[in-house]
N, C-alpha and C. Protein backbone atom coordinates (compact mmCIF):
# COMPACT_ATOMS: atom_id res chain seq x y z
N UNK A 1 5.76 -3.85 10.25
CA UNK A 1 5.20 -4.75 11.65
C UNK A 1 7.25 -5.11 10.59
N UNK A 2 8.18 -4.71 12.21
CA UNK A 2 9.23 -5.09 12.48
C UNK A 2 9.43 -6.58 13.23
N UNK A 3 10.24 -7.51 12.94
CA UNK A 3 10.52 -8.81 12.85
C UNK A 3 11.51 -8.91 14.02
N UNK A 4 12.38 -10.07 14.64
CA UNK A 4 13.22 -10.02 15.63
C UNK A 4 14.09 -10.53 14.29
N UNK A 5 13.38 -11.45 13.18
CA UNK A 5 14.39 -12.09 12.28
C UNK A 5 14.68 -11.22 11.14
N UNK A 6 14.93 -9.77 11.21
CA UNK A 6 15.25 -8.91 10.52
C UNK A 6 16.79 -9.33 9.90
N UNK A 7 17.83 -9.82 10.69
CA UNK A 7 19.10 -9.95 10.15
C UNK A 7 19.25 -11.57 9.47
N UNK A 8 18.25 -12.20 9.61
CA UNK A 8 18.05 -13.41 8.35
C UNK A 8 18.35 -13.30 7.00
N UNK A 9 18.42 -14.43 6.43
CA UNK A 9 18.99 -14.11 4.69
C UNK A 9 17.53 -14.08 4.01
N UNK A 10 17.38 -12.77 3.30
CA UNK A 10 16.02 -12.26 2.87
C UNK A 10 16.63 -12.76 1.57
N UNK A 11 15.07 -12.84 0.67
CA UNK A 11 15.12 -13.16 -1.08
C UNK A 11 15.97 -12.04 -1.72
N UNK A 12 16.45 -12.23 -2.56
CA UNK A 12 17.37 -11.17 -3.35
C UNK A 12 16.34 -11.04 -4.52
N UNK A 13 15.99 -10.19 -5.09
CA UNK A 13 15.02 -9.68 -6.21
C UNK A 13 16.06 -9.25 -7.44
N UNK A 14 15.25 -8.51 -8.45
CA UNK A 14 15.85 -8.42 -9.61
C UNK A 14 17.13 -7.13 -9.10
N UNK A 15 18.18 -7.52 -10.19
CA UNK A 15 19.08 -6.96 -10.31
C UNK A 15 19.87 -6.63 -8.53
N UNK A 16 19.95 -7.27 -7.64
CA UNK A 16 20.65 -7.38 -6.58
C UNK A 16 19.97 -6.24 -5.87
N UNK A 17 18.79 -6.39 -5.93
CA UNK A 17 17.96 -5.83 -4.72
C UNK A 17 17.41 -6.85 -3.92
N UNK A 18 17.67 -6.40 -2.64
CA UNK A 18 17.32 -7.14 -1.37
C UNK A 18 15.72 -6.67 -0.93
N UNK A 19 15.03 -7.46 -0.49
CA UNK A 19 13.82 -7.57 0.19
C UNK A 19 13.97 -7.94 1.60
N UNK A 20 13.08 -6.88 2.56
CA UNK A 20 12.96 -7.50 4.10
C UNK A 20 11.79 -6.54 4.68
N UNK A 21 11.63 -7.23 5.77
CA UNK A 21 10.67 -6.26 6.54
C UNK A 21 10.80 -4.91 6.80
N UNK A 22 9.95 -3.82 7.13
CA UNK A 22 10.06 -2.91 7.48
C UNK A 22 10.22 -2.95 8.69
N UNK A 23 11.74 -1.69 9.08
CA UNK A 23 11.91 -1.46 10.51
C UNK A 23 11.48 0.29 10.97
N UNK A 24 11.34 0.58 11.64
CA UNK A 24 10.48 2.03 12.66
C UNK A 24 11.75 3.09 12.00
N UNK A 25 12.71 2.40 11.71
CA UNK A 25 13.93 3.78 11.68
C UNK A 25 13.92 3.65 10.10
N UNK A 26 13.14 3.32 8.88
CA UNK A 26 12.56 3.12 7.79
C UNK A 26 11.86 4.55 7.44
N UNK A 27 10.73 4.56 8.20
CA UNK A 27 9.82 5.86 7.94
C UNK A 27 10.07 6.64 7.06
N UNK A 28 11.11 7.45 7.41
CA UNK A 28 11.80 8.89 6.75
C UNK A 28 11.96 8.66 5.20
N UNK A 29 12.86 7.68 5.45
CA UNK A 29 13.26 7.04 3.56
C UNK A 29 11.86 6.40 2.95
N UNK A 30 10.78 6.22 3.96
CA UNK A 30 9.80 5.41 3.21
C UNK A 30 8.82 6.87 2.23
N UNK A 31 9.12 7.54 3.40
CA UNK A 31 8.10 8.38 3.79
C UNK A 31 8.83 9.84 2.10
N UNK A 32 9.63 9.87 1.83
CA UNK A 32 10.58 10.57 0.74
C UNK A 32 10.74 10.00 -0.12
N UNK A 33 10.48 8.50 -0.42
CA UNK A 33 10.59 7.35 -1.47
C UNK A 33 8.64 7.56 -2.12
N UNK A 34 7.92 7.49 -1.19
CA UNK A 34 6.40 7.62 -1.46
C UNK A 34 6.25 9.27 -2.36
N UNK A 35 7.19 10.55 -1.54
CA UNK A 35 6.90 11.29 -2.61
C UNK A 35 7.41 11.88 -3.94
N UNK A 36 8.67 11.40 -4.01
CA UNK A 36 9.34 11.35 -5.01
C UNK A 36 8.54 10.55 -6.36
N UNK A 37 8.03 9.31 -5.70
CA UNK A 37 7.07 8.57 -6.57
C UNK A 37 5.92 9.50 -6.83
N UNK A 38 5.04 9.94 -6.43
CA UNK A 38 3.48 10.52 -6.77
C UNK A 38 4.55 11.67 -7.44
N UNK A 39 5.39 12.76 -7.37
CA UNK A 39 6.05 13.87 -7.66
C UNK A 39 6.75 13.53 -9.11
N UNK A 40 7.29 12.49 -9.36
CA UNK A 40 7.91 12.18 -10.48
C UNK A 40 7.14 11.27 -11.57
N UNK A 41 7.03 10.03 -10.89
CA UNK A 41 6.77 8.91 -11.92
C UNK A 41 4.70 9.06 -11.98
N UNK A 42 3.93 9.73 -10.64
CA UNK A 42 2.55 9.70 -11.38
C UNK A 42 2.40 11.17 -11.95
N UNK A 43 3.41 11.80 -12.28
CA UNK A 43 3.45 13.53 -13.01
C UNK A 43 3.57 12.97 -14.48
N UNK A 44 3.40 11.65 -14.59
CA UNK A 44 3.23 11.10 -16.05
C UNK A 44 1.52 11.17 -16.78
N UNK A 45 0.68 10.87 -15.29
CA UNK A 45 -0.25 10.58 -15.66
C UNK A 45 -1.37 11.36 -14.52
N UNK A 46 -0.91 12.34 -13.81
CA UNK A 46 -1.51 13.22 -13.00
C UNK A 46 -1.35 14.65 -13.62
N UNK A 47 -1.88 15.62 -12.73
CA UNK A 47 -1.48 16.77 -13.33
C UNK A 47 -0.74 17.87 -11.77
N UNK A 48 -0.05 18.86 -11.95
CA UNK A 48 0.07 19.66 -10.55
C UNK A 48 -0.29 19.29 -9.66
N UNK A 49 -0.92 19.91 -9.08
CA UNK A 49 -2.48 19.69 -8.67
C UNK A 49 -2.61 18.26 -7.68
N UNK A 50 -2.82 17.44 -8.84
CA UNK A 50 -3.21 16.28 -8.18
C UNK A 50 -2.16 15.64 -7.36
N UNK A 51 -0.58 16.30 -7.83
CA UNK A 51 0.14 15.07 -7.31
C UNK A 51 0.82 15.98 -6.15
N UNK A 52 1.00 17.17 -5.63
CA UNK A 52 0.85 18.23 -4.59
C UNK A 52 -0.26 17.38 -3.72
N UNK A 53 -1.18 17.27 -3.83
CA UNK A 53 -2.67 17.12 -2.74
C UNK A 53 -1.77 15.40 -2.43
N UNK A 54 -1.94 14.88 -3.59
CA UNK A 54 -1.37 13.38 -3.13
C UNK A 54 -0.31 13.36 -2.54
N UNK A 55 0.80 13.65 -2.83
CA UNK A 55 2.38 14.17 -2.04
C UNK A 55 2.15 14.21 -0.90
N UNK A 56 1.15 15.32 -0.28
CA UNK A 56 1.19 15.55 0.75
C UNK A 56 0.72 14.67 1.99
N UNK A 57 -0.05 13.67 1.71
CA UNK A 57 -0.11 12.67 2.58
C UNK A 57 1.29 12.08 3.52
N UNK A 58 2.49 12.54 2.79
CA UNK A 58 3.70 11.64 3.49
C UNK A 58 4.58 13.32 4.46
N UNK A 59 4.03 14.22 4.59
CA UNK A 59 4.58 15.08 4.59
C UNK A 59 4.85 14.81 6.07
N UNK A 60 3.88 14.86 7.04
CA UNK A 60 3.40 14.58 8.57
C UNK A 60 4.34 13.09 8.38
N UNK A 61 5.94 12.68 8.85
CA UNK A 61 6.38 11.66 8.60
C UNK A 61 5.91 10.52 10.21
N UNK A 62 5.07 11.27 11.17
CA UNK A 62 4.53 10.49 12.17
C UNK A 62 3.92 10.13 12.00
N UNK A 63 2.52 10.59 11.26
CA UNK A 63 1.39 10.11 10.78
C UNK A 63 1.27 8.93 9.66
N UNK A 64 2.04 9.20 8.68
CA UNK A 64 3.07 8.11 7.54
C UNK A 64 3.87 7.33 8.58
N UNK A 65 4.31 7.13 9.63
CA UNK A 65 4.60 6.26 10.08
C UNK A 65 3.69 5.41 10.52
N UNK A 66 2.98 5.78 11.63
CA UNK A 66 1.05 5.21 12.00
C UNK A 66 0.89 4.18 10.91
N UNK A 67 0.65 4.91 9.81
CA UNK A 67 0.30 4.18 8.54
C UNK A 67 0.67 2.92 8.73
N UNK A 68 2.14 2.67 8.32
CA UNK A 68 2.85 2.12 7.90
C UNK A 68 2.80 0.92 9.31
N UNK A 69 2.81 1.05 10.22
CA UNK A 69 2.40 0.24 11.32
C UNK A 69 1.16 -0.50 10.79
N UNK A 70 0.04 -0.25 10.10
CA UNK A 70 -1.42 -0.47 10.25
C UNK A 70 -0.98 -2.23 9.02
N UNK A 71 -0.07 -1.88 8.84
CA UNK A 71 -0.37 -3.23 7.89
C UNK A 71 1.19 -4.35 7.75
N UNK A 72 1.46 -5.47 6.95
CA UNK A 72 2.80 -5.61 7.07
C UNK A 72 3.49 -4.96 5.74
N UNK A 73 5.04 -4.35 5.98
CA UNK A 73 5.57 -3.74 4.82
C UNK A 73 6.87 -4.33 4.33
N UNK A 74 6.63 -4.57 3.52
CA UNK A 74 7.99 -4.78 2.85
C UNK A 74 9.22 -3.95 2.45
N UNK A 75 10.25 -4.00 2.43
CA UNK A 75 11.08 -3.15 1.84
C UNK A 75 12.37 -3.43 0.86
N UNK A 76 12.74 -2.61 -0.54
CA UNK A 76 13.62 -3.09 -1.27
C UNK A 76 14.82 -2.20 -1.21
N UNK A 77 15.91 -2.78 -1.24
CA UNK A 77 17.21 -2.12 -1.03
C UNK A 77 18.15 -2.86 -1.91
N UNK A 78 18.66 -2.14 -2.93
CA UNK A 78 19.70 -1.91 -3.21
C UNK A 78 20.77 -1.61 -3.11
N UNK A 79 22.06 -1.24 -3.67
CA UNK A 79 23.56 -0.92 -3.51
C UNK A 79 23.24 0.80 -3.21
N UNK A 80 22.22 1.39 -3.66
CA UNK A 80 22.26 2.85 -3.20
C UNK A 80 21.39 3.05 -1.73
N UNK A 81 20.97 1.53 -1.51
CA UNK A 81 19.87 2.29 -0.33
C UNK A 81 18.55 1.73 -0.77
N UNK A 82 17.61 2.22 0.46
CA UNK A 82 15.84 1.62 -0.21
C UNK A 82 15.68 2.26 -1.39
N UNK A 83 14.84 1.93 -1.99
CA UNK A 83 14.19 1.74 -3.48
C UNK A 83 13.17 1.60 -3.66
N UNK A 84 11.88 1.32 -2.51
CA UNK A 84 10.85 0.52 -2.29
C UNK A 84 10.18 0.22 -1.27
N UNK A 85 8.78 0.21 -1.75
CA UNK A 85 8.41 -0.22 -0.10
C UNK A 85 7.03 -1.02 -1.16
N UNK A 86 6.07 -2.01 0.00
CA UNK A 86 4.89 -2.33 -0.88
C UNK A 86 4.17 -2.35 1.33
N UNK A 87 2.92 -2.35 1.35
CA UNK A 87 2.44 -2.72 2.46
C UNK A 87 1.16 -3.47 1.75
N UNK A 88 0.75 -4.96 2.63
CA UNK A 88 -0.65 -4.96 2.89
C UNK A 88 -0.99 -5.01 3.95
N UNK A 89 -2.45 -4.61 3.86
CA UNK A 89 -3.29 -4.82 5.07
C UNK A 89 -4.06 -6.26 4.84
N UNK A 90 -3.95 -6.59 6.23
CA UNK A 90 -4.56 -8.17 5.55
C UNK A 90 -6.00 -8.27 5.95
N UNK A 91 -6.88 -8.97 5.04
CA UNK A 91 -6.42 -10.15 5.01
C UNK A 91 -5.53 -10.33 3.39
N UNK A 92 -5.76 -8.65 3.01
CA UNK A 92 -5.30 -8.92 1.44
C UNK A 92 -5.17 -7.69 0.42
N UNK A 93 -5.52 -6.67 1.29
CA UNK A 93 -5.53 -5.17 0.49
C UNK A 93 -4.38 -4.67 0.35
N UNK A 94 -3.90 -4.89 -1.01
CA UNK A 94 -2.12 -3.92 -1.21
C UNK A 94 -2.75 -2.12 -1.02
N UNK A 95 -2.00 -1.44 0.28
CA UNK A 95 -2.58 -0.26 0.22
C UNK A 95 -1.53 0.66 -0.15
N UNK A 96 -0.11 0.53 -0.37
CA UNK A 96 0.59 1.40 -0.62
C UNK A 96 1.77 0.21 -1.46
N UNK A 97 2.17 0.86 -2.25
CA UNK A 97 3.49 -0.02 -3.60
C UNK A 97 3.93 1.26 -3.96
N UNK A 98 5.23 1.52 -3.83
CA UNK A 98 5.68 2.70 -4.28
C UNK A 98 7.39 2.29 -4.61
N UNK A 99 7.67 2.84 -5.71
CA UNK A 99 9.27 2.56 -5.69
C UNK A 99 9.78 3.67 -6.17
N UNK A 100 11.16 4.06 -5.39
CA UNK A 100 11.74 5.34 -5.87
C UNK A 100 11.57 5.52 -7.39
N UNK A 101 12.31 6.83 -8.09
CA UNK A 101 11.86 7.09 -9.23
C UNK A 101 13.35 6.26 -9.97
N UNK A 102 14.58 6.28 -9.17
CA UNK A 102 16.06 5.98 -9.81
C UNK A 102 16.01 4.27 -10.13
N UNK A 103 15.00 3.60 -9.59
CA UNK A 103 14.57 2.01 -9.48
C UNK A 103 13.58 1.83 -10.43
N UNK A 104 12.74 2.73 -10.68
CA UNK A 104 11.95 2.32 -11.67
C UNK A 104 12.31 1.11 -12.79
N UNK A 105 11.30 0.33 -13.44
CA UNK A 105 11.54 -0.28 -14.66
C UNK A 105 12.58 -1.37 -14.13
N UNK A 106 12.45 -1.93 -12.82
CA UNK A 106 13.61 -2.61 -12.88
C UNK A 106 13.33 -4.04 -12.33
N UNK A 107 12.16 -4.37 -11.95
CA UNK A 107 11.14 -5.60 -11.27
C UNK A 107 10.94 -5.33 -9.95
N UNK A 108 10.99 -4.16 -9.34
CA UNK A 108 11.39 -4.11 -7.81
C UNK A 108 9.80 -3.93 -7.28
N UNK A 109 8.47 -3.11 -8.13
CA UNK A 109 7.54 -3.33 -7.65
C UNK A 109 6.97 -4.87 -7.59
N UNK A 110 7.20 -5.29 -8.85
CA UNK A 110 7.01 -6.94 -8.80
C UNK A 110 7.06 -7.88 -7.44
N UNK A 111 8.69 -7.64 -7.77
CA UNK A 111 8.89 -8.53 -6.47
C UNK A 111 8.52 -7.99 -5.42
N UNK A 112 8.40 -6.59 -5.06
CA UNK A 112 7.42 -6.39 -3.34
C UNK A 112 6.18 -7.33 -3.77
N UNK A 113 5.45 -7.14 -4.88
CA UNK A 113 4.57 -7.28 -4.58
C UNK A 113 3.92 -9.19 -4.78
N UNK A 114 5.17 -9.55 -5.36
CA UNK A 114 5.01 -11.25 -5.08
C UNK A 114 5.48 -11.41 -3.55
N UNK A 115 6.32 -10.75 -3.05
CA UNK A 115 6.05 -10.73 -0.94
C UNK A 115 4.63 -10.50 -0.34
N UNK A 116 3.78 -9.54 -0.93
CA UNK A 116 2.30 -9.40 -0.45
C UNK A 116 1.26 -10.64 -1.42
N UNK A 117 1.79 -11.10 -1.87
CA UNK A 117 0.93 -12.00 -2.09
C UNK A 117 0.63 -13.26 -1.30
N UNK A 118 2.05 -13.88 -1.45
CA UNK A 118 2.66 -14.78 -0.13
C UNK A 118 1.73 -14.57 1.14
N UNK A 119 2.25 -13.60 1.95
CA UNK A 119 1.64 -13.12 2.86
C UNK A 119 0.20 -13.53 2.93
N UNK A 120 -0.44 -12.49 2.11
CA UNK A 120 -1.85 -12.49 2.13
C UNK A 120 -2.58 -13.98 1.66
N UNK A 121 -1.60 -14.67 0.70
CA UNK A 121 -2.37 -16.11 0.36
C UNK A 121 -1.95 -17.03 1.81
N UNK A 122 -0.90 -17.01 2.53
CA UNK A 122 -0.64 -17.69 3.97
C UNK A 122 -1.39 -17.56 5.28
N UNK A 123 -2.44 -16.07 5.07
CA UNK A 123 -2.88 -15.42 5.94
C UNK A 123 -4.36 -15.79 5.88
N UNK A 124 -4.82 -16.73 4.55
CA UNK A 124 -5.92 -17.04 4.07
C UNK A 124 -6.56 -16.42 3.04
N UNK A 125 -6.22 -15.41 2.12
CA UNK A 125 -6.83 -14.78 1.50
C UNK A 125 -7.08 -15.21 0.23
N UNK A 126 -8.19 -15.24 -0.31
CA UNK A 126 -8.60 -15.65 -1.66
C UNK A 126 -7.88 -14.30 -2.48
N UNK A 127 -7.96 -13.14 -2.18
CA UNK A 127 -8.40 -12.37 -3.39
C UNK A 127 -7.35 -11.43 -2.45
N UNK A 128 -6.60 -10.69 -4.00
CA UNK A 128 -5.47 -9.24 -3.33
C UNK A 128 -6.50 -8.46 -3.89
N UNK A 129 -6.86 -7.36 -3.13
CA UNK A 129 -7.63 -5.68 -3.84
C UNK A 129 -6.21 -4.77 -3.84
N UNK A 130 -6.57 -3.95 -4.32
CA UNK A 130 -5.75 -2.87 -4.52
C UNK A 130 -6.53 -1.86 -5.18
N UNK A 131 -6.67 -0.37 -4.54
CA UNK A 131 -7.35 0.80 -5.60
C UNK A 131 -5.41 1.39 -6.08
N UNK A 132 -6.08 1.38 -7.64
CA UNK A 132 -4.66 1.47 -8.21
C UNK A 132 -4.96 2.60 -9.55
N UNK A 133 -3.87 3.90 -9.15
CA UNK A 133 -3.45 4.92 -10.05
C UNK A 133 -3.70 4.52 -11.40
N UNK A 134 -3.56 5.78 -12.12
CA UNK A 134 -3.45 5.50 -13.70
C UNK A 134 -2.58 5.13 -13.85
N UNK A 135 -1.31 4.86 -12.86
CA UNK A 135 0.05 4.86 -13.51
C UNK A 135 0.71 3.09 -13.09
N UNK A 136 -0.24 2.31 -11.86
CA UNK A 136 -0.26 1.68 -11.48
C UNK A 136 -0.81 0.19 -12.05
N UNK A 137 -2.02 0.70 -12.77
CA UNK A 137 -2.82 0.16 -13.52
C UNK A 137 -2.49 -0.92 -14.53
N UNK A 138 -1.55 -0.45 -15.29
CA UNK A 138 -1.10 -1.15 -16.53
C UNK A 138 0.03 -2.63 -15.95
N UNK A 139 0.24 -1.87 -15.35
CA UNK A 139 1.52 -2.80 -14.46
C UNK A 139 0.66 -4.23 -13.90
N UNK A 140 -0.08 -3.55 -13.28
CA UNK A 140 -1.24 -4.84 -12.55
C UNK A 140 -2.07 -5.10 -13.24
N UNK A 141 -2.42 -5.30 -14.27
CA UNK A 141 -3.48 -5.36 -15.48
C UNK A 141 -2.11 -6.54 -15.82
N UNK A 142 -1.04 -6.30 -16.19
CA UNK A 142 0.34 -7.70 -16.75
C UNK A 142 -0.05 -8.40 -15.83
N UNK A 143 0.09 -8.70 -14.64
CA UNK A 143 0.68 -9.15 -13.36
C UNK A 143 -0.82 -10.03 -13.14
N UNK A 144 -2.08 -9.86 -13.73
CA UNK A 144 -3.27 -10.69 -13.60
C UNK A 144 -4.33 -10.00 -12.57
N UNK A 145 -3.87 -8.79 -12.14
CA UNK A 145 -4.90 -8.35 -11.58
C UNK A 145 -5.95 -7.39 -12.67
N UNK A 146 -7.51 -7.46 -12.50
CA UNK A 146 -8.68 -7.52 -13.23
C UNK A 146 -9.46 -5.79 -12.86
N UNK A 147 -9.56 -5.13 -13.28
CA UNK A 147 -10.81 -4.10 -12.90
C UNK A 147 -12.37 -4.62 -12.92
N UNK A 148 -12.70 -3.70 -11.10
CA UNK A 148 -13.47 -4.30 -11.02
C UNK A 148 -14.59 -3.10 -10.87
N UNK A 149 -13.53 -1.91 -10.73
CA UNK A 149 -14.73 -0.75 -10.84
C UNK A 149 -13.51 0.29 -11.20
N UNK A 150 -14.30 1.42 -11.89
CA UNK A 150 -13.47 2.80 -11.82
C UNK A 150 -13.88 3.55 -11.34
N UNK A 151 -13.16 4.52 -10.78
CA UNK A 151 -13.81 5.48 -9.66
C UNK A 151 -13.03 6.92 -9.30
N UNK A 152 -13.96 7.44 -9.14
CA UNK A 152 -13.48 9.03 -8.71
C UNK A 152 -13.52 9.66 -7.14
N UNK A 153 -12.29 9.63 -6.75
CA UNK A 153 -11.99 9.95 -5.35
C UNK A 153 -11.35 10.80 -5.38
N UNK A 154 -11.27 11.81 -3.78
CA UNK A 154 -10.79 12.88 -3.41
C UNK A 154 -9.91 12.63 -2.57
N UNK A 155 -8.84 13.85 -2.61
CA UNK A 155 -8.15 13.96 -1.51
C UNK A 155 -7.71 15.60 -1.53
N UNK A 156 -7.92 16.16 -0.37
CA UNK A 156 -7.83 17.55 0.04
C UNK A 156 -8.21 18.33 -0.95
N UNK A 157 -9.91 17.27 -1.62
CA UNK A 157 -10.31 18.43 -1.95
C UNK A 157 -10.06 18.67 -3.57
N UNK A 158 -9.38 17.35 -3.78
CA UNK A 158 -8.47 17.32 -5.71
C UNK A 158 -9.47 15.69 -6.42
N UNK A 159 -9.95 15.86 -7.18
CA UNK A 159 -10.41 15.23 -7.70
C UNK A 159 -9.37 13.66 -8.50
N UNK A 160 -9.33 12.55 -8.29
CA UNK A 160 -8.36 11.50 -8.68
C UNK A 160 -9.34 10.66 -9.64
N UNK A 161 -8.89 10.00 -10.49
CA UNK A 161 -9.60 8.72 -11.18
C UNK A 161 -8.19 7.90 -10.78
N UNK A 162 -8.95 6.46 -10.16
CA UNK A 162 -8.31 4.75 -10.13
C UNK A 162 -9.01 4.12 -10.25
N UNK A 163 -8.36 2.57 -10.53
CA UNK A 163 -9.30 1.78 -10.35
C UNK A 163 -9.50 0.62 -9.10
N UNK A 164 -10.52 0.28 -8.86
CA UNK A 164 -10.18 -0.69 -7.71
C UNK A 164 -10.16 -2.52 -8.46
N UNK A 165 -9.02 -2.64 -8.08
CA UNK A 165 -8.65 -3.99 -9.00
C UNK A 165 -8.73 -5.28 -7.82
N UNK A 166 -8.67 -5.99 -8.51
CA UNK A 166 -8.62 -7.52 -7.65
C UNK A 166 -7.65 -8.62 -8.88
N UNK A 167 -7.07 -9.79 -8.00
CA UNK A 167 -6.51 -10.96 -8.60
C UNK A 167 -6.57 -12.32 -7.21
N UNK A 168 -7.15 -13.30 -8.04
CA UNK A 168 -6.84 -14.65 -7.22
C UNK A 168 -5.92 -14.80 -6.49
N UNK A 169 -5.34 -15.49 -5.34
CA UNK A 169 -4.04 -15.62 -5.32
C UNK A 169 -4.12 -17.01 -4.85
N UNK A 170 -3.24 -18.05 -5.51
CA UNK A 170 -2.74 -18.66 -4.81
C UNK A 170 -3.02 -19.26 -3.82
N UNK A 171 -3.58 -20.71 -3.47
CA UNK A 171 -3.64 -21.31 -1.81
C UNK A 171 -2.73 -22.19 -1.95
N UNK A 172 -2.17 -21.56 -0.38
CA UNK A 172 -0.96 -22.30 0.02
C UNK A 172 -1.28 -24.16 0.72
């Protein structure tokens, strides 16, 4: 969702990373980050057939932009441009959390996730839920999420292992 306050001072994340609201003009960049994160970062846990099927979700940039418009999206930027994004669908489901491989392991995902906690809690959510990949699960466990179920899901006829996870949110 775009905001009329986009030009306001935004929080600064790790290593000079700035967080801001999504703008429709960001859609192509976010689709590219999504594909890079899946094809590079997720390749450590999923095979080439799985990552190819997963990455195709963002090939139709119009449909991807429509998905982004269905929730609240925060964008992370550093000196080299957009480096990550997160989407929370209210009242508290983390739908997307992707970081460009060049910005991995710098706290970008954690900073984006903390923004999502705040919004979800402000909207009255007591719990944040997420369907986590094999790649995201260890980070989410460290951040206090618990596994509620392990699942096998299909995308384009390809099976994926993931985890339904949740975390209690502090009430504002």
